[in-house]
């Protein structure tokens, strides 16, 4: 089957997108089943066929305009392959895929295109997983600045990048001031864009409470967590995973507050 598909693409390169769909679809199904190594093989077959088709139909003008659907499938296949490597904890291979995607997007779309900025975001997340925090910050900052220019402040992608920057400052660089700054940008924007009770808004409030706690502002952190927990339980239920996480953090912070109050009484 694999040889036949590739042979048909050689005979009619313009059918590459349609012909390799069988590989692409099969790879996605197998990935969902947790068969990551097999999924990698089918994603690679999909890319091989797509690239074969693209190489044979190159024209003088922009290839995206003449063969856009094939390029879209090629990038989707490469992106899913990168995600599969991440699921396998093969972060080096995932990083290589994301780097290739970014380079291709820069060349074909330009540095300010939404797809290029998404590639920056994904590469930044990969660097963060690998604990290469300086590179992670650079990629997320590039995505944030680009999305701010492209979409403005109140756009879900811009706010995602702001939150990602806060996370790198928080988890990787221990820069609490900048972590709070970007978490706050994300929280204010999400509340305005999505509403105060949306899951993303509440996640941002958890992040802010976390930083406040680390900065020793226990009373402020406790107040934020109390209000956030009430919203979680009201809108998502007490058995919701996020509700339980918030409840655990609230209890932990209350214990810290009790210890703090006890210490002040002893003084």
C-alpha atoms as a PDB file:
ATOM      1  CA  UNK A   1       0.000   0.000   0.000  1.00  0.00           C
ATOM      2  CA  UNK A   2       2.768   2.437   0.934  1.00  0.00           C
ATOM      3  CA  UNK A   3       4.716   1.825  -2.284  1.00  0.00           C
ATOM      4  CA  UNK A   4       1.560   2.115  -4.389  1.00  0.00           C
ATOM      5  CA  UNK A   5       0.656   5.476  -2.842  1.00  0.00           C
ATOM      6  CA  UNK A   6       4.120   6.904  -3.466  1.00  0.00           C
ATOM      7  CA  UNK A   7       4.103   5.581  -7.048  1.00  0.00           C
ATOM      8  CA  UNK A   8       0.753   7.272  -7.733  1.00  0.00           C
ATOM      9  CA  UNK A   9       2.155  10.562  -6.402  1.00  0.00           C
ATOM     10  CA  UNK A  10       5.111  10.280  -8.770  1.00  0.00           C
ATOM     11  CA  UNK A  11       2.700   9.808 -11.698  1.00  0.00           C
ATOM     12  CA  UNK A  12       0.426  12.668 -10.589  1.00  0.00           C
ATOM     13  CA  UNK A  13       2.147  14.934  -8.007  1.00  0.00           C
ATOM     14  CA  UNK A  14      -0.913  17.144  -7.573  1.00  0.00           C
ATOM     15  CA  UNK A  15      -2.707  14.272  -5.815  1.00  0.00           C
ATOM     16  CA  UNK A  16      -0.146  14.183  -2.967  1.00  0.00           C
ATOM     17  CA  UNK A  17      -2.495  15.714  -0.409  1.00  0.00           C
ATOM     18  CA  UNK A  18      -5.327  13.325  -1.208  1.00  0.00           C
ATOM     19  CA  UNK A  19      -3.138  10.243  -1.607  1.00  0.00           C
ATOM     20  CA  UNK A  20      -1.289  10.654   1.698  1.00  0.00           C
ATOM     21  CA  UNK A  21      -4.474  11.351   3.661  1.00  0.00           C
ATOM     22  CA  UNK A  22      -4.682   7.629   4.409  1.00  0.00           C
ATOM     23  CA  UNK A  23      -1.311   7.807   6.207  1.00  0.00           C
ATOM     24  CA  UNK A  24      -2.205  11.040   7.997  1.00  0.00           C
ATOM     25  CA  UNK A  25      -5.581   9.775   9.214  1.00  0.00           C
ATOM     26  CA  UNK A  26      -4.166   6.421  10.284  1.00  0.00           C
ATOM     27  CA  UNK A  27      -1.352   8.129  12.197  1.00  0.00           C
ATOM     28  CA  UNK A  28      -3.820  10.285  14.133  1.00  0.00           C
ATOM     29  CA  UNK A  29      -5.963   7.289  15.082  1.00  0.00           C
ATOM     30  CA  UNK A  30      -2.945   5.267  16.174  1.00  0.00           C
ATOM     31  CA  UNK A  31      -1.594   8.202  18.183  1.00  0.00           C
ATOM     32  CA  UNK A  32      -4.888   8.483  20.086  1.00  0.00           C
ATOM     33  CA  UNK A  33      -4.542   4.789  20.925  1.00  0.00           C
ATOM     34  CA  UNK A  34      -1.147   5.451  22.486  1.00  0.00           C
ATOM     35  CA  UNK A  35       0.838   3.573  19.825  1.00  0.00           C
ATOM     36  CA  UNK A  36       3.325   6.388  19.467  1.00  0.00           C
ATOM     37  CA  UNK A  37       6.156   4.617  17.624  1.00  0.00           C
ATOM     38  CA  UNK A  38       3.766   3.324  14.973  1.00  0.00           C
ATOM     39  CA  UNK A  39       2.150   6.755  14.697  1.00  0.00           C
ATOM     40  CA  UNK A  40       5.579   8.325  14.109  1.00  0.00           C
ATOM     41  CA  UNK A  41       6.127   5.994  11.148  1.00  0.00           C
ATOM     42  CA  UNK A  42       2.820   6.918   9.501  1.00  0.00           C
ATOM     43  CA  UNK A  43       3.324  10.644  10.057  1.00  0.00           C
ATOM     44  CA  UNK A  44       6.735  10.286   8.421  1.00  0.00           C
ATOM     45  CA  UNK A  45       5.194   8.422   5.479  1.00  0.00           C
ATOM     46  CA  UNK A  46       2.616  11.171   5.126  1.00  0.00           C
ATOM     47  CA  UNK A  47       5.336  13.828   5.052  1.00  0.00           C
ATOM     48  CA  UNK A  48       7.418  11.838   2.605  1.00  0.00           C
ATOM     49  CA  UNK A  49       4.533  11.612   0.157  1.00  0.00           C
ATOM     50  CA  UNK A  50       3.546  15.246   0.594  1.00  0.00           C
ATOM     51  CA  UNK A  51       7.109  16.451   0.106  1.00  0.00           C
ATOM     52  CA  UNK A  52       7.439  14.276  -2.970  1.00  0.00           C
ATOM     53  CA  UNK A  53       4.360  15.938  -4.422  1.00  0.00           C
ATOM     54  CA  UNK A  54       5.469  19.434  -3.459  1.00  0.00           C
ATOM     55  CA  UNK A  55       8.938  18.978  -4.935  1.00  0.00           C
ATOM     56  CA  UNK A  56       7.391  17.958  -8.258  1.00  0.00           C
ATOM     57  CA  UNK A  57       4.904  20.794  -8.612  1.00  0.00           C
ATOM     58  CA  UNK A  58       7.089  23.732  -7.634  1.00  0.00           C
ATOM     59  CA  UNK A  59       6.385  26.866  -9.624  1.00  0.00           C
ATOM     60  CA  UNK A  60       7.945  30.315  -9.835  1.00  0.00           C
ATOM     61  CA  UNK A  61       5.306  32.082  -7.760  1.00  0.00           C
ATOM     62  CA  UNK A  62       4.462  31.426  -4.100  1.00  0.00           C
ATOM     63  CA  UNK A  63       3.843  27.666  -3.695  1.00  0.00           C
ATOM     64  CA  UNK A  64       1.327  28.291  -0.913  1.00  0.00           C
ATOM     65  CA  UNK A  65      -0.963  30.070  -3.362  1.00  0.00           C
ATOM     66  CA  UNK A  66      -0.753  27.267  -5.901  1.00  0.00           C
ATOM     67  CA  UNK A  67      -0.745  24.242  -3.629  1.00  0.00           C
ATOM     68  CA  UNK A  68      -1.974  25.515  -0.295  1.00  0.00           C
ATOM     69  CA  UNK A  69      -3.925  22.441   0.787  1.00  0.00           C
ATOM     70  CA  UNK A  70      -0.874  20.187   0.394  1.00  0.00           C
ATOM     71  CA  UNK A  71       1.254  22.588   2.441  1.00  0.00           C
ATOM     72  CA  UNK A  72      -1.419  22.763   5.128  1.00  0.00           C
ATOM     73  CA  UNK A  73      -1.485  18.976   5.389  1.00  0.00           C
ATOM     74  CA  UNK A  74       2.304  18.816   5.410  1.00  0.00           C
ATOM     75  CA  UNK A  75       2.533  21.266   8.313  1.00  0.00           C
ATOM     76  CA  UNK A  76      -0.285  19.525  10.166  1.00  0.00           C
ATOM     77  CA  UNK A  77       1.490  16.196   9.782  1.00  0.00           C
ATOM     78  CA  UNK A  78       4.795  17.642  10.954  1.00  0.00           C
ATOM     79  CA  UNK A  79       3.122  19.344  13.909  1.00  0.00           C
ATOM     80  CA  UNK A  80       1.370  16.149  14.951  1.00  0.00           C
ATOM     81  CA  UNK A  81       4.656  14.272  14.599  1.00  0.00           C
ATOM     82  CA  UNK A  82       6.321  16.798  16.923  1.00  0.00           C
ATOM     83  CA  UNK A  83       3.493  16.408  19.435  1.00  0.00           C
ATOM     84  CA  UNK A  84       3.841  12.626  19.257  1.00  0.00           C
ATOM     85  CA  UNK A  85       7.549  12.874  20.069  1.00  0.00           C
ATOM     86  CA  UNK A  86       6.655  15.058  23.063  1.00  0.00           C
ATOM     87  CA  UNK A  87       4.128  12.442  24.227  1.00  0.00           C
ATOM     88  CA  UNK A  88       6.917   9.865  23.934  1.00  0.00           C
ATOM     89  CA  UNK A  89       9.176  12.163  25.992  1.00  0.00           C
ATOM     90  CA  UNK A  90      11.561  12.304  23.037  1.00  0.00           C
ATOM     91  CA  UNK A  91      11.973  16.043  23.465  1.00  0.00           C
ATOM     92  CA  UNK A  92      15.032  16.350  21.237  1.00  0.00           C
ATOM     93  CA  UNK A  93      13.182  14.935  18.213  1.00  0.00           C
ATOM     94  CA  UNK A  94      10.180  17.091  19.042  1.00  0.00           C
ATOM     95  CA  UNK A  95      12.396  20.165  19.199  1.00  0.00           C
ATOM     96  CA  UNK A  96      13.919  19.349  15.808  1.00  0.00           C
ATOM     97  CA  UNK A  97      10.441  19.125  14.267  1.00  0.00           C
ATOM     98  CA  UNK A  98       9.352  22.421  15.810  1.00  0.00           C
ATOM     99  CA  UNK A  99      12.552  24.120  14.602  1.00  0.00           C
ATOM    100  CA  UNK A 100      11.922  22.869  11.068  1.00  0.00           C
ATOM    101  CA  UNK A 101       8.305  24.039  11.192  1.00  0.00           C
ATOM    102  CA  UNK A 102       9.395  27.483  12.386  1.00  0.00           C
ATOM    103  CA  UNK A 103      12.026  27.799   9.644  1.00  0.00           C
ATOM    104  CA  UNK A 104       9.515  26.802   6.943  1.00  0.00           C
ATOM    105  CA  UNK A 105       6.859  29.178   8.274  1.00  0.00           C
ATOM    106  CA  UNK A 106       9.325  32.067   8.384  1.00  0.00           C
ATOM    107  CA  UNK A 107      10.292  31.398   4.787  1.00  0.00           C
ATOM    108  CA  UNK A 108       6.808  30.847   3.396  1.00  0.00           C
ATOM    109  CA  UNK A 109       4.609  33.109   5.528  1.00  0.00           C
ATOM    110  CA  UNK A 110       6.940  35.703   7.078  1.00  0.00           C
ATOM    111  CA  UNK A 111       7.905  36.362  10.683  1.00  0.00           C
ATOM    112  CA  UNK A 112       4.661  38.089  11.695  1.00  0.00           C
ATOM    113  CA  UNK A 113       2.176  35.534  10.360  1.00  0.00           C
ATOM    114  CA  UNK A 114      -0.116  33.798  12.863  1.00  0.00           C
ATOM    115  CA  UNK A 115       1.239  30.364  11.858  1.00  0.00           C
ATOM    116  CA  UNK A 116       4.823  31.500  12.424  1.00  0.00           C
ATOM    117  CA  UNK A 117       3.893  32.870  15.838  1.00  0.00           C
ATOM    118  CA  UNK A 118       2.155  29.596  16.718  1.00  0.00           C
ATOM    119  CA  UNK A 119       5.374  27.787  15.784  1.00  0.00           C
ATOM    120  CA  UNK A 120       7.282  30.115  18.148  1.00  0.00           C
ATOM    121  CA  UNK A 121       4.810  29.288  20.907  1.00  0.00           C
ATOM    122  CA  UNK A 122       5.125  25.534  20.380  1.00  0.00           C
ATOM    123  CA  UNK A 123       8.920  25.673  20.276  1.00  0.00           C
ATOM    124  CA  UNK A 124       8.923  27.757  23.458  1.00  0.00           C
ATOM    125  CA  UNK A 125       6.784  25.147  25.206  1.00  0.00           C
ATOM    126  CA  UNK A 126       9.186  22.416  24.073  1.00  0.00           C
ATOM    127  CA  UNK A 127      12.179  24.369  25.417  1.00  0.00           C
ATOM    128  CA  UNK A 128      10.368  24.805  28.716  1.00  0.00           C
ATOM    129  CA  UNK A 129       9.735  21.062  28.998  1.00  0.00           C
ATOM    130  CA  UNK A 130      13.453  20.529  28.352  1.00  0.00           C
ATOM    131  CA  UNK A 131      14.175  23.130  31.074  1.00  0.00           C
ATOM    132  CA  UNK A 132      16.011  25.364  28.617  1.00  0.00           C
ATOM    133  CA  UNK A 133      14.286  28.364  30.134  1.00  0.00           C
ATOM    134  CA  UNK A 134      16.213  31.192  28.478  1.00  0.00           C
ATOM    135  CA  UNK A 135      15.346  29.861  25.016  1.00  0.00           C
ATOM    136  CA  UNK A 136      11.783  29.179  26.143  1.00  0.00           C
ATOM    137  CA  UNK A 137      11.402  32.782  27.272  1.00  0.00           C
ATOM    138  CA  UNK A 138      12.866  34.107  24.017  1.00  0.00           C
ATOM    139  CA  UNK A 139      10.373  32.110  21.932  1.00  0.00           C
ATOM    140  CA  UNK A 140       7.354  32.994  24.070  1.00  0.00           C
ATOM    141  CA  UNK A 141       8.361  36.649  24.135  1.00  0.00           C
ATOM    142  CA  UNK A 142       8.681  36.669  20.370  1.00  0.00           C
ATOM    143  CA  UNK A 143       5.233  35.074  20.085  1.00  0.00           C
ATOM    144  CA  UNK A 144       3.758  37.567  22.560  1.00  0.00           C
ATOM    145  CA  UNK A 145       5.159  40.647  20.822  1.00  0.00           C
ATOM    146  CA  UNK A 146       4.119  39.343  17.415  1.00  0.00           C
ATOM    147  CA  UNK A 147       0.603  38.460  18.556  1.00  0.00           C
ATOM    148  CA  UNK A 148       0.238  41.798  20.312  1.00  0.00           C
ATOM    149  CA  UNK A 149       1.062  43.539  17.051  1.00  0.00           C
ATOM    150  CA  UNK A 150      -1.094  41.198  14.946  1.00  0.00           C
ATOM    151  CA  UNK A 151      -4.150  40.761  17.152  1.00  0.00           C
ATOM    152  CA  UNK A 152      -3.972  43.392  19.878  1.00  0.00           C
ATOM    153  CA  UNK A 153      -4.175  42.937  23.657  1.00  0.00           C
ATOM    154  CA  UNK A 154      -7.589  41.275  23.879  1.00  0.00           C
ATOM    155  CA  UNK A 155      -7.046  38.147  21.818  1.00  0.00           C
ATOM    156  CA  UNK A 156      -6.878  34.606  23.149  1.00  0.00           C
ATOM    157  CA  UNK A 157      -3.512  33.933  21.461  1.00  0.00           C
ATOM    158  CA  UNK A 158      -1.938  37.112  22.864  1.00  0.00           C
ATOM    159  CA  UNK A 159      -3.163  36.226  26.352  1.00  0.00           C
ATOM    160  CA  UNK A 160      -1.897  32.639  26.003  1.00  0.00           C
ATOM    161  CA  UNK A 161       1.573  33.976  25.203  1.00  0.00           C
ATOM    162  CA  UNK A 162       1.448  36.358  28.181  1.00  0.00           C
ATOM    163  CA  UNK A 163       0.530  33.451  30.443  1.00  0.00           C
ATOM    164  CA  UNK A 164       3.318  31.318  28.952  1.00  0.00           C
ATOM    165  CA  UNK A 165       5.845  34.056  29.685  1.00  0.00           C
ATOM    166  CA  UNK A 166       4.581  34.249  33.266  1.00  0.00           C
ATOM    167  CA  UNK A 167       5.002  30.502  33.599  1.00  0.00           C
ATOM    168  CA  UNK A 168       8.624  30.570  32.393  1.00  0.00           C
ATOM    169  CA  UNK A 169       9.466  33.418  34.768  1.00  0.00           C
ATOM    170  CA  UNK A 170       7.711  31.508  37.561  1.00  0.00           C
ATOM    171  CA  UNK A 171       8.804  27.903  37.102  1.00  0.00           C
ATOM    172  CA  UNK A 172      12.118  28.338  35.334  1.00  0.00           C
ATOM    173  CA  UNK A 173      13.691  31.673  36.177  1.00  0.00           C
ATOM    174  CA  UNK A 174      12.300  32.344  39.679  1.00  0.00           C
ATOM    175  CA  UNK A 175      11.590  35.936  38.661  1.00  0.00           C
ATOM    176  CA  UNK A 176       8.452  36.512  40.720  1.00  0.00           C
ATOM    177  CA  UNK A 177       7.972  40.160  39.734  1.00  0.00           C
ATOM    178  CA  UNK A 178       7.877  39.408  36.018  1.00  0.00           C
ATOM    179  CA  UNK A 179       5.857  36.246  36.624  1.00  0.00           C
ATOM    180  CA  UNK A 180       3.223  38.312  38.422  1.00  0.00           C
ATOM    181  CA  UNK A 181       3.332  40.971  35.697  1.00  0.00           C
ATOM    182  CA  UNK A 182       2.545  38.571  32.847  1.00  0.00           C
ATOM    183  CA  UNK A 183       0.131  36.401  34.830  1.00  0.00           C
ATOM    184  CA  UNK A 184      -1.747  39.610  35.649  1.00  0.00           C
ATOM    185  CA  UNK A 185      -1.843  40.666  31.977  1.00  0.00           C
ATOM    186  CA  UNK A 186      -3.285  37.259  31.101  1.00  0.00           C
ATOM    187  CA  UNK A 187      -5.808  37.359  33.956  1.00  0.00           C
ATOM    188  CA  UNK A 188      -7.133  40.847  33.213  1.00  0.00           C
ATOM    189  CA  UNK A 189      -7.448  40.103  29.517  1.00  0.00           C
ATOM    190  CA  UNK A 190      -9.148  36.754  30.044  1.00  0.00           C
ATOM    191  CA  UNK A 191     -11.654  38.222  32.494  1.00  0.00           C
ATOM    192  CA  UNK A 192     -12.515  40.961  30.007  1.00  0.00           C
ATOM    193  CA  UNK A 193     -12.572  38.669  26.965  1.00  0.00           C
ATOM    194  CA  UNK A 194     -14.024  35.449  28.393  1.00  0.00           C
ATOM    195  CA  UNK A 195     -15.728  36.598  31.578  1.00  0.00           C
ATOM    196  CA  UNK A 196     -14.735  36.301  35.271  1.00  0.00           C
ATOM    197  CA  UNK A 197     -16.045  32.744  35.663  1.00  0.00           C
ATOM    198  CA  UNK A 198     -14.419  31.184  32.595  1.00  0.00           C
ATOM    199  CA  UNK A 199     -12.003  28.346  33.282  1.00  0.00           C
ATOM    200  CA  UNK A 200      -9.027  30.220  31.799  1.00  0.00           C
ATOM    201  CA  UNK A 201      -9.821  33.288  33.925  1.00  0.00           C
ATOM    202  CA  UNK A 202      -9.913  31.160  37.057  1.00  0.00           C
ATOM    203  CA  UNK A 203      -6.652  29.414  36.089  1.00  0.00           C
ATOM    204  CA  UNK A 204      -5.010  32.821  35.845  1.00  0.00           C
ATOM    205  CA  UNK A 205      -6.303  33.741  39.298  1.00  0.00           C
ATOM    206  CA  UNK A 206      -4.741  30.553  40.668  1.00  0.00           C
ATOM    207  CA  UNK A 207      -1.434  31.567  39.109  1.00  0.00           C
ATOM    208  CA  UNK A 208      -1.586  35.015  40.699  1.00  0.00           C
ATOM    209  CA  UNK A 209      -2.431  33.525  44.111  1.00  0.00           C
ATOM    210  CA  UNK A 210       0.554  31.197  43.739  1.00  0.00           C
ATOM    211  CA  UNK A 211       2.944  34.089  43.112  1.00  0.00           C
ATOM    212  CA  UNK A 212       1.443  36.170  45.927  1.00  0.00           C
ATOM    213  CA  UNK A 213       2.043  33.232  48.260  1.00  0.00           C
ATOM    214  CA  UNK A 214       5.664  32.878  47.146  1.00  0.00           C
ATOM    215  CA  UNK A 215       6.183  36.612  47.708  1.00  0.00           C
ATOM    216  CA  UNK A 216       4.951  36.200  51.290  1.00  0.00           C
ATOM    217  CA  UNK A 217       1.633  37.963  50.709  1.00  0.00           C
ATOM    218  CA  UNK A 218      -0.335  35.170  52.355  1.00  0.00           C
ATOM    219  CA  UNK A 219      -3.428  37.216  53.203  1.00  0.00           C
ATOM    220  CA  UNK A 220      -3.815  38.354  49.582  1.00  0.00           C
ATOM    221  CA  UNK A 221      -3.240  34.836  48.284  1.00  0.00           C
ATOM    222  CA  UNK A 222      -5.823  33.415  50.697  1.00  0.00           C
ATOM    223  CA  UNK A 223      -8.428  35.959  49.629  1.00  0.00           C
ATOM    224  CA  UNK A 224      -7.880  35.234  45.925  1.00  0.00           C
ATOM    225  CA  UNK A 225      -8.084  31.483  46.492  1.00  0.00           C
ATOM    226  CA  UNK A 226     -11.248  31.760  48.573  1.00  0.00           C
ATOM    227  CA  UNK A 227     -13.041  33.734  45.860  1.00  0.00           C
ATOM    228  CA  UNK A 228     -11.694  31.502  43.078  1.00  0.00           C
ATOM    229  CA  UNK A 229     -12.732  28.331  44.891  1.00  0.00           C
ATOM    230  CA  UNK A 230     -16.269  29.651  45.318  1.00  0.00           C
ATOM    231  CA  UNK A 231     -16.470  30.310  41.569  1.00  0.00           C
ATOM    232  CA  UNK A 232     -15.042  26.899  40.655  1.00  0.00           C
ATOM    233  CA  UNK A 233     -17.487  25.036  42.877  1.00  0.00           C
ATOM    234  CA  UNK A 234     -20.454  27.136  41.743  1.00  0.00           C
ATOM    235  CA  UNK A 235     -19.817  26.916  38.011  1.00  0.00           C
ATOM    236  CA  UNK A 236     -17.953  23.602  37.640  1.00  0.00           C
ATOM    237  CA  UNK A 237     -18.925  21.579  40.729  1.00  0.00           C
ATOM    238  CA  UNK A 238     -16.975  20.350  43.736  1.00  0.00           C
ATOM    239  CA  UNK A 239     -15.858  17.169  41.934  1.00  0.00           C
ATOM    240  CA  UNK A 240     -14.267  19.073  39.078  1.00  0.00           C
ATOM    241  CA  UNK A 241     -10.512  18.492  38.836  1.00  0.00           C
ATOM    242  CA  UNK A 242      -9.708  22.210  38.861  1.00  0.00           C
ATOM    243  CA  UNK A 243     -12.046  22.737  41.825  1.00  0.00           C
ATOM    244  CA  UNK A 244     -10.155  20.093  43.777  1.00  0.00           C
ATOM    245  CA  UNK A 245      -6.777  21.616  42.893  1.00  0.00           C
ATOM    246  CA  UNK A 246      -7.999  25.029  43.998  1.00  0.00           C
ATOM    247  CA  UNK A 247      -9.353  23.560  47.252  1.00  0.00           C
ATOM    248  CA  UNK A 248      -6.007  21.908  47.983  1.00  0.00           C
ATOM    249  CA  UNK A 249      -4.132  25.154  47.384  1.00  0.00           C
ATOM    250  CA  UNK A 250      -6.620  27.043  49.543  1.00  0.00           C
ATOM    251  CA  UNK A 251      -6.141  24.628  52.455  1.00  0.00           C
ATOM    252  CA  UNK A 252      -2.358  24.777  52.076  1.00  0.00           C
ATOM    253  CA  UNK A 253      -2.376  28.574  52.027  1.00  0.00           C
ATOM    254  CA  UNK A 254      -4.710  28.722  55.017  1.00  0.00           C
ATOM    255  CA  UNK A 255      -2.238  26.552  56.949  1.00  0.00           C
ATOM    256  CA  UNK A 256       0.556  28.938  55.965  1.00  0.00           C
ATOM    257  CA  UNK A 257      -1.609  31.863  57.081  1.00  0.00           C
ATOM    258  CA  UNK A 258      -2.233  30.138  60.426  1.00  0.00           C
ATOM    259  CA  UNK A 259       1.479  29.619  60.965  1.00  0.00           C
ATOM    260  CA  UNK A 260       2.129  33.246  60.055  1.00  0.00           C
ATOM    261  CA  UNK A 261      -0.569  34.508  62.454  1.00  0.00           C
ATOM    262  CA  UNK A 262       0.743  32.246  65.218  1.00  0.00           C
ATOM    263  CA  UNK A 263       4.252  33.605  64.715  1.00  0.00           C
ATOM    264  CA  UNK A 264       3.018  37.158  64.956  1.00  0.00           C
ATOM    265  CA  UNK A 265       1.176  36.364  68.215  1.00  0.00           C
ATOM    266  CA  UNK A 266       4.314  34.818  69.731  1.00  0.00           C
ATOM    267  CA  UNK A 267       6.258  37.969  68.860  1.00  0.00           C
END
